[in-house]
Amino acid sequence: MSAFATLRTWGDMIKFSHSVFALPFALVATFLAGRNMPGGTPTLFQFALIVICMVAARSFAMTFNRIADAKIDARNPRTESRPIPAGKITTKQAWSFLQISGLVFLAGCAGFFLLYGNEWPLLLAVPTLALLAGYSYAKRFTLFAHFVLGAAIAFAPTAAWLAIHPATLGLPAILLTGAVLSWIAGFDIIYACQDTEIDRRDGLHSIPSKFGIARALWISRASHVITAALLVVLGLVVGLGWLYWAGLGVTALLLAFEQSLVRHNDLSKVNMAFFTVNGVVSLLFGLTTIIDALWISK
């Protein structure tokens, strides 16, 4: 039970379950890029390296965020029970885990060079970690921190495409990256609505604290409309088939449902919108797109 409790504490700190948000989009890019390879798919080792890099990068990013925000979290009733401010994990332990995550990520990037002669992941590894760490400070000076987070996570599809087949990096990767950026920013704005007054008190910047919750929700809705529009263009540019369009249709309905759950005077369903609906969106879109790319529109 002690080992299980420890594992759960660490999982809670890095929000391991949230890997579902970005990983499917990185895998979509992996398989779309893989269609340009001789066999029409990425190799098993390439797939494994993508997963390793994604999990390690996200663990690095979340750990750095928890370290950087420990004092801020301790002053917020919603976040004061997080492992570091609650004393369940020490800052020293968190720094050690951060270093391990960073080294695993670097090793995964090196794997693409050693096994496939692709130097791009290794060249961009340190700048990527810097971007992931830098997000944590964005809300200290800009209300567009939601879009900085979106950009940090949205780099995953572009990075995956570069790792699999850099010669074909182009418009499809850009469209997918843009869609992820606006999707992440849209639901992060919703999530930030919970801390509107806390952010104002502590001098932190966010769209809800600047414009109020009602206007912030409209900005979130506009972001998700952009997401859907970019994914429509992606399907047309790549020439994806009926399963992709079916998945995209359901995805658009889920985004609309997510927006309907939250009102400026009722934030009681924010967690459902943030965790449950976005998890389903990511998994559904990723699964239908990958299957379509592999067997329907290939």
Protein backbone atom coordinates (compact mmCIF):
# COMPACT_ATOMS: atom_id res chain seq x y z
CA MET A 1 0.00 0.00 0.00
CA SER A 2 2.89 2.36 0.78
CA ALA A 3 4.43 1.82 -2.66
CA PHE A 4 1.05 2.32 -4.32
CA ALA A 5 0.44 5.52 -2.33
CA THR A 6 3.87 6.84 -3.33
CA LEU A 7 3.23 6.06 -6.98
CA ARG A 8 -0.13 7.77 -6.80
CA THR A 9 1.40 10.86 -5.19
CA TRP A 10 3.96 11.19 -7.98
CA GLY A 11 1.29 10.55 -10.58
CA ASP A 12 -0.79 13.30 -9.02
CA MET A 13 2.10 15.75 -9.08
CA ILE A 14 2.84 15.34 -12.79
CA LYS A 15 -0.80 14.63 -13.67
CA PHE A 16 0.31 11.57 -15.63
CA SER A 17 -3.25 10.93 -16.81
CA HIS A 18 -3.15 14.27 -18.64
CA SER A 19 -0.66 12.79 -21.10
CA VAL A 20 -3.77 11.77 -23.00
CA PHE A 21 -4.21 15.40 -24.07
CA ALA A 22 -1.10 15.71 -26.22
CA LEU A 23 0.08 12.15 -26.94
CA PRO A 24 -2.67 11.23 -29.47
CA PHE A 25 -1.91 14.34 -31.53
CA ALA A 26 1.79 13.50 -31.56
CA LEU A 27 0.91 9.98 -32.70
CA VAL A 28 -1.33 11.40 -35.43
CA ALA A 29 1.67 13.35 -36.74
CA THR A 30 3.79 10.21 -36.37
CA PHE A 31 1.55 8.15 -38.62
CA LEU A 32 0.84 10.94 -41.12
CA ALA A 33 4.58 11.48 -41.51
CA GLY A 34 5.09 7.70 -41.67
CA ARG A 35 2.94 7.49 -44.79
CA ASN A 36 5.88 9.04 -46.66
CA MET A 37 8.25 6.25 -45.63
CA PRO A 38 9.01 3.21 -47.83
CA GLY A 39 6.76 0.90 -45.83
CA GLY A 40 4.05 3.51 -45.40
CA THR A 41 4.30 3.46 -41.59
CA PRO A 42 6.84 4.41 -38.92
CA THR A 43 8.91 1.59 -37.49
CA LEU A 44 8.13 0.06 -34.11
CA PHE A 45 11.24 1.64 -32.60
CA GLN A 46 10.30 5.06 -33.93
CA PHE A 47 6.86 4.68 -32.38
CA ALA A 48 8.39 3.64 -29.06
CA LEU A 49 10.83 6.55 -29.08
CA ILE A 50 7.97 9.01 -29.73
CA VAL A 51 6.04 7.66 -26.74
CA ILE A 52 9.14 7.75 -24.51
CA CYS A 53 9.95 11.33 -25.51
CA MET A 54 6.35 12.48 -25.04
CA VAL A 55 5.95 10.99 -21.57
CA ALA A 56 9.38 12.21 -20.45
CA ALA A 57 8.84 15.72 -21.83
CA ARG A 58 5.47 16.05 -20.17
CA SER A 59 6.83 14.74 -16.86
CA PHE A 60 9.63 17.32 -17.10
CA ALA A 61 7.21 20.13 -17.88
CA MET A 62 4.75 19.33 -15.10
CA THR A 63 7.48 18.81 -12.51
CA PHE A 64 9.11 22.13 -13.37
CA ASN A 65 5.71 23.82 -13.20
CA ARG A 66 5.03 22.37 -9.75
CA ILE A 67 8.45 23.52 -8.50
CA ALA A 68 8.10 27.01 -9.97
CA ASP A 69 4.53 27.44 -8.68
CA ALA A 70 4.93 25.83 -5.25
CA LYS A 71 4.55 29.09 -3.33
CA ILE A 72 1.69 30.26 -5.55
CA ASP A 73 -0.07 26.92 -5.13
CA ALA A 74 0.30 27.13 -1.36
CA ARG A 75 -1.69 30.41 -1.32
CA ASN A 76 -4.53 29.05 -3.44
CA PRO A 77 -7.20 26.95 -1.65
CA ARG A 78 -7.77 24.98 -4.86
CA THR A 79 -4.12 23.96 -5.20
CA GLU A 80 -2.75 24.00 -1.65
CA SER A 81 -3.16 20.21 -1.42
CA ARG A 82 -0.80 19.54 -4.34
CA PRO A 83 2.11 17.30 -3.31
CA ILE A 84 4.86 19.93 -2.94
CA PRO A 85 2.95 22.60 -0.96
CA ALA A 86 1.31 19.83 1.07
CA GLY A 87 4.72 18.38 1.96
CA LYS A 88 4.10 14.98 0.35
CA ILE A 89 7.04 15.51 -2.01
CA THR A 90 10.05 17.66 -1.20
CA THR A 91 11.49 20.22 -3.59
CA LYS A 92 14.75 18.24 -3.64
CA GLN A 93 12.90 15.08 -4.68
CA ALA A 94 11.07 17.02 -7.38
CA TRP A 95 14.35 18.40 -8.75
CA SER A 96 15.77 14.88 -8.89
CA PHE A 97 12.73 13.63 -10.79
CA LEU A 98 12.98 16.62 -13.13
CA GLN A 99 16.58 15.73 -13.97
CA ILE A 100 15.68 12.09 -14.60
CA SER A 101 12.80 13.10 -16.89
CA GLY A 102 15.06 15.47 -18.81
CA LEU A 103 17.73 12.81 -19.25
CA VAL A 104 15.18 10.25 -20.48
CA PHE A 105 13.90 12.81 -22.99
CA LEU A 106 17.43 13.54 -24.22
CA ALA A 107 18.12 9.81 -24.51
CA GLY A 108 14.97 9.33 -26.56
CA CYS A 109 15.97 12.17 -28.88
CA ALA A 110 19.45 10.70 -29.21
CA GLY A 111 17.85 7.41 -30.23
CA PHE A 112 16.59 8.97 -33.47
CA PHE A 113 20.12 10.04 -34.34
CA LEU A 114 21.83 6.80 -33.34
CA LEU A 115 19.29 4.45 -34.93
CA TYR A 116 18.03 6.48 -37.89
CA GLY A 117 20.63 9.19 -38.50
CA ASN A 118 18.03 11.91 -37.83
CA GLU A 119 19.75 14.74 -35.97
CA TRP A 120 16.73 17.05 -35.64
CA PRO A 121 15.31 15.66 -32.37
CA LEU A 122 18.72 15.91 -30.68
CA LEU A 123 19.37 19.43 -32.00
CA LEU A 124 15.99 20.65 -30.73
CA ALA A 125 15.96 18.70 -27.46
CA VAL A 126 17.37 21.40 -25.17
CA PRO A 127 15.35 24.26 -26.76
CA THR A 128 12.25 22.10 -26.33
CA LEU A 129 12.93 21.57 -22.63
CA ALA A 130 13.55 25.32 -22.27
CA LEU A 131 10.17 26.05 -23.89
CA LEU A 132 8.41 23.55 -21.63
CA ALA A 133 10.03 25.07 -18.54
CA GLY A 134 9.52 28.66 -19.65
CA TYR A 135 5.74 28.31 -19.82
CA SER A 136 5.59 28.20 -16.03
CA TYR A 137 6.62 31.86 -15.83
CA ALA A 138 4.33 33.17 -18.59
CA LYS A 139 1.42 34.05 -16.30
CA ARG A 140 3.75 36.30 -14.31
CA PHE A 141 3.98 38.79 -17.19
CA THR A 142 1.38 38.09 -19.92
CA LEU A 143 -2.34 37.36 -20.05
CA PHE A 144 -1.63 35.21 -23.11
CA ALA A 145 -0.09 32.49 -20.94
CA HIS A 146 -2.87 30.16 -22.14
CA PHE A 147 -1.55 30.44 -25.69
CA VAL A 148 2.04 30.03 -24.51
CA LEU A 149 0.95 26.74 -22.93
CA GLY A 150 -0.84 25.86 -26.16
CA ALA A 151 2.30 26.55 -28.17
CA ALA A 152 4.46 24.46 -25.83
CA ILE A 153 2.15 21.45 -26.08
CA ALA A 154 1.33 22.02 -29.75
CA PHE A 155 5.00 21.67 -30.66
CA ALA A 156 4.54 17.93 -30.05
CA PRO A 157 3.02 17.15 -33.49
CA THR A 158 5.69 19.18 -35.28
CA ALA A 159 8.43 17.53 -33.22
CA ALA A 160 7.02 14.08 -33.96
CA TRP A 161 6.87 14.83 -37.69
CA LEU A 162 10.49 16.03 -37.62
CA ALA A 163 11.51 12.88 -35.80
CA ILE A 164 9.82 10.55 -38.29
CA HIS A 165 10.28 12.22 -41.68
CA PRO A 166 11.73 15.76 -41.56
CA ALA A 167 11.89 16.08 -45.35
CA THR A 168 8.08 16.15 -45.60
CA LEU A 169 7.45 18.64 -42.80
CA GLY A 170 5.03 21.19 -44.21
CA LEU A 171 1.47 22.48 -44.18
CA PRO A 172 -0.19 19.41 -42.60
CA ALA A 173 2.11 19.62 -39.56
CA ILE A 174 1.52 23.37 -39.30
CA LEU A 175 -2.26 22.90 -39.42
CA LEU A 176 -2.18 20.16 -36.80
CA THR A 177 0.07 22.26 -34.56
CA GLY A 178 -2.23 25.27 -34.90
CA ALA A 179 -5.27 23.16 -34.08
CA VAL A 180 -3.66 21.80 -30.93
CA LEU A 181 -2.51 25.28 -29.88
CA SER A 182 -6.00 26.77 -30.11
CA TRP A 183 -7.60 23.70 -28.51
CA ILE A 184 -5.24 23.72 -25.52
CA ALA A 185 -5.55 27.50 -25.08
CA GLY A 186 -9.34 27.26 -25.26
CA PHE A 187 -9.72 24.75 -22.47
CA ASP A 188 -6.95 26.31 -20.38
CA ILE A 189 -8.93 29.56 -20.40
CA ILE A 190 -11.92 27.63 -19.06
CA TYR A 191 -9.76 26.07 -16.35
CA ALA A 192 -8.29 29.46 -15.39
CA CYS A 193 -11.77 30.84 -14.72
CA GLN A 194 -11.65 29.04 -11.36
CA ASP A 195 -8.73 31.23 -10.22
CA THR A 196 -9.92 34.61 -11.47
CA GLU A 197 -9.95 36.33 -8.08
CA ILE A 198 -6.83 34.53 -6.85
CA ASP A 199 -4.90 35.66 -9.95
CA ARG A 200 -6.02 39.24 -9.41
CA ARG A 201 -5.01 39.07 -5.75
CA ASP A 202 -1.56 37.67 -6.52
CA GLY A 203 -0.88 39.87 -9.55
CA LEU A 204 -0.90 36.96 -11.98
CA HIS A 205 -2.07 37.40 -15.56
CA SER A 206 -4.81 35.48 -17.32
CA ILE A 207 -7.61 36.23 -19.75
CA PRO A 208 -10.33 35.65 -17.11
CA SER A 209 -8.62 37.95 -14.59
CA LYS A 210 -8.19 40.65 -17.25
CA PHE A 211 -11.52 40.55 -19.08
CA GLY A 212 -13.79 38.72 -16.66
CA ILE A 213 -15.21 35.22 -16.92
CA ALA A 214 -18.00 35.96 -19.40
CA ARG A 215 -15.68 37.50 -22.01
CA ALA A 216 -13.02 34.88 -21.35
CA LEU A 217 -15.48 32.11 -22.20
CA TRP A 218 -16.22 33.76 -25.54
CA ILE A 219 -12.50 33.85 -26.29
CA SER A 220 -12.35 30.16 -25.38
CA ARG A 221 -15.24 29.42 -27.74
CA ALA A 222 -13.55 31.32 -30.56
CA SER A 223 -10.37 29.31 -29.96
CA HIS A 224 -12.26 26.05 -30.32
CA VAL A 225 -13.96 27.25 -33.51
CA ILE A 226 -10.46 27.88 -34.89
CA THR A 227 -9.46 24.37 -33.82
CA ALA A 228 -12.33 22.80 -35.76
CA ALA A 229 -11.65 24.98 -38.81
CA LEU A 230 -7.96 24.04 -38.91
CA LEU A 231 -8.79 20.34 -38.62
CA VAL A 232 -11.21 20.68 -41.55
CA VAL A 233 -8.44 22.20 -43.65
CA LEU A 234 -6.06 19.44 -42.49
CA GLY A 235 -8.44 16.75 -43.69
CA LEU A 236 -8.75 18.42 -47.09
CA VAL A 237 -5.02 19.03 -47.53
CA VAL A 238 -4.01 15.49 -46.54
CA GLY A 239 -6.95 13.86 -48.33
CA LEU A 240 -8.22 11.87 -45.37
CA GLY A 241 -11.23 9.60 -45.62
CA TRP A 242 -14.69 9.11 -44.18
CA LEU A 243 -13.57 7.90 -40.75
CA TYR A 244 -11.53 11.05 -40.21
CA TRP A 245 -14.52 13.22 -41.10
CA ALA A 246 -16.80 11.20 -38.85
CA GLY A 247 -14.33 11.52 -35.99
CA LEU A 248 -13.95 15.24 -36.63
CA GLY A 249 -17.73 15.68 -36.62
CA VAL A 250 -18.03 14.04 -33.22
CA THR A 251 -15.00 16.00 -32.00
CA ALA A 252 -16.69 19.28 -32.98
CA LEU A 253 -19.86 18.24 -31.14
CA LEU A 254 -17.80 17.38 -28.05
CA LEU A 255 -16.11 20.78 -28.12
CA ALA A 256 -19.52 22.43 -28.32
CA PHE A 257 -20.70 20.25 -25.41
CA GLU A 258 -17.61 21.23 -23.42
CA GLN A 259 -18.42 24.90 -23.92
CA SER A 260 -22.04 24.35 -22.90
CA LEU A 261 -20.99 22.92 -19.55
CA VAL A 262 -19.51 26.18 -18.30
CA ARG A 263 -21.30 29.48 -17.67
CA HIS A 264 -19.92 32.73 -16.31
CA ASN A 265 -22.09 32.29 -13.23
CA ASP A 266 -21.68 28.51 -12.89
CA LEU A 267 -18.24 26.91 -12.87
CA SER A 268 -19.33 23.74 -11.11
CA LYS A 269 -18.69 21.59 -14.19
CA VAL A 270 -15.25 22.91 -15.09
CA ASN A 271 -13.53 19.67 -14.12
CA MET A 272 -15.89 17.65 -16.30
CA ALA A 273 -15.23 19.99 -19.22
CA PHE A 274 -11.47 20.04 -18.63
CA PHE A 275 -10.67 16.44 -17.75
CA THR A 276 -13.40 14.19 -19.10
CA VAL A 277 -14.49 15.86 -22.33
CA ASN A 278 -11.00 16.88 -23.45
CA GLY A 279 -9.69 13.39 -22.75
CA VAL A 280 -12.42 11.92 -24.96
CA VAL A 281 -11.77 14.55 -27.65
CA SER A 282 -8.08 13.72 -27.83
CA LEU A 283 -8.51 9.94 -27.80
CA LEU A 284 -11.37 9.94 -30.30
CA PHE A 285 -9.69 12.28 -32.76
CA GLY A 286 -6.36 10.48 -32.45
CA LEU A 287 -7.85 7.00 -32.90
CA THR A 288 -10.08 7.81 -35.88
CA THR A 289 -7.36 9.79 -37.65
CA ILE A 290 -4.70 7.13 -37.20
CA ILE A 291 -7.00 4.32 -38.38
CA ASP A 292 -8.05 6.40 -41.37
CA ALA A 293 -4.44 7.23 -42.25
CA LEU A 294 -3.36 3.59 -41.98
CA TRP A 295 -6.18 1.74 -43.72
CA ILE A 296 -8.82 3.98 -45.30
CA SER A 297 -7.23 6.96 -47.04
CA LYS A 298 -3.78 5.44 -47.47
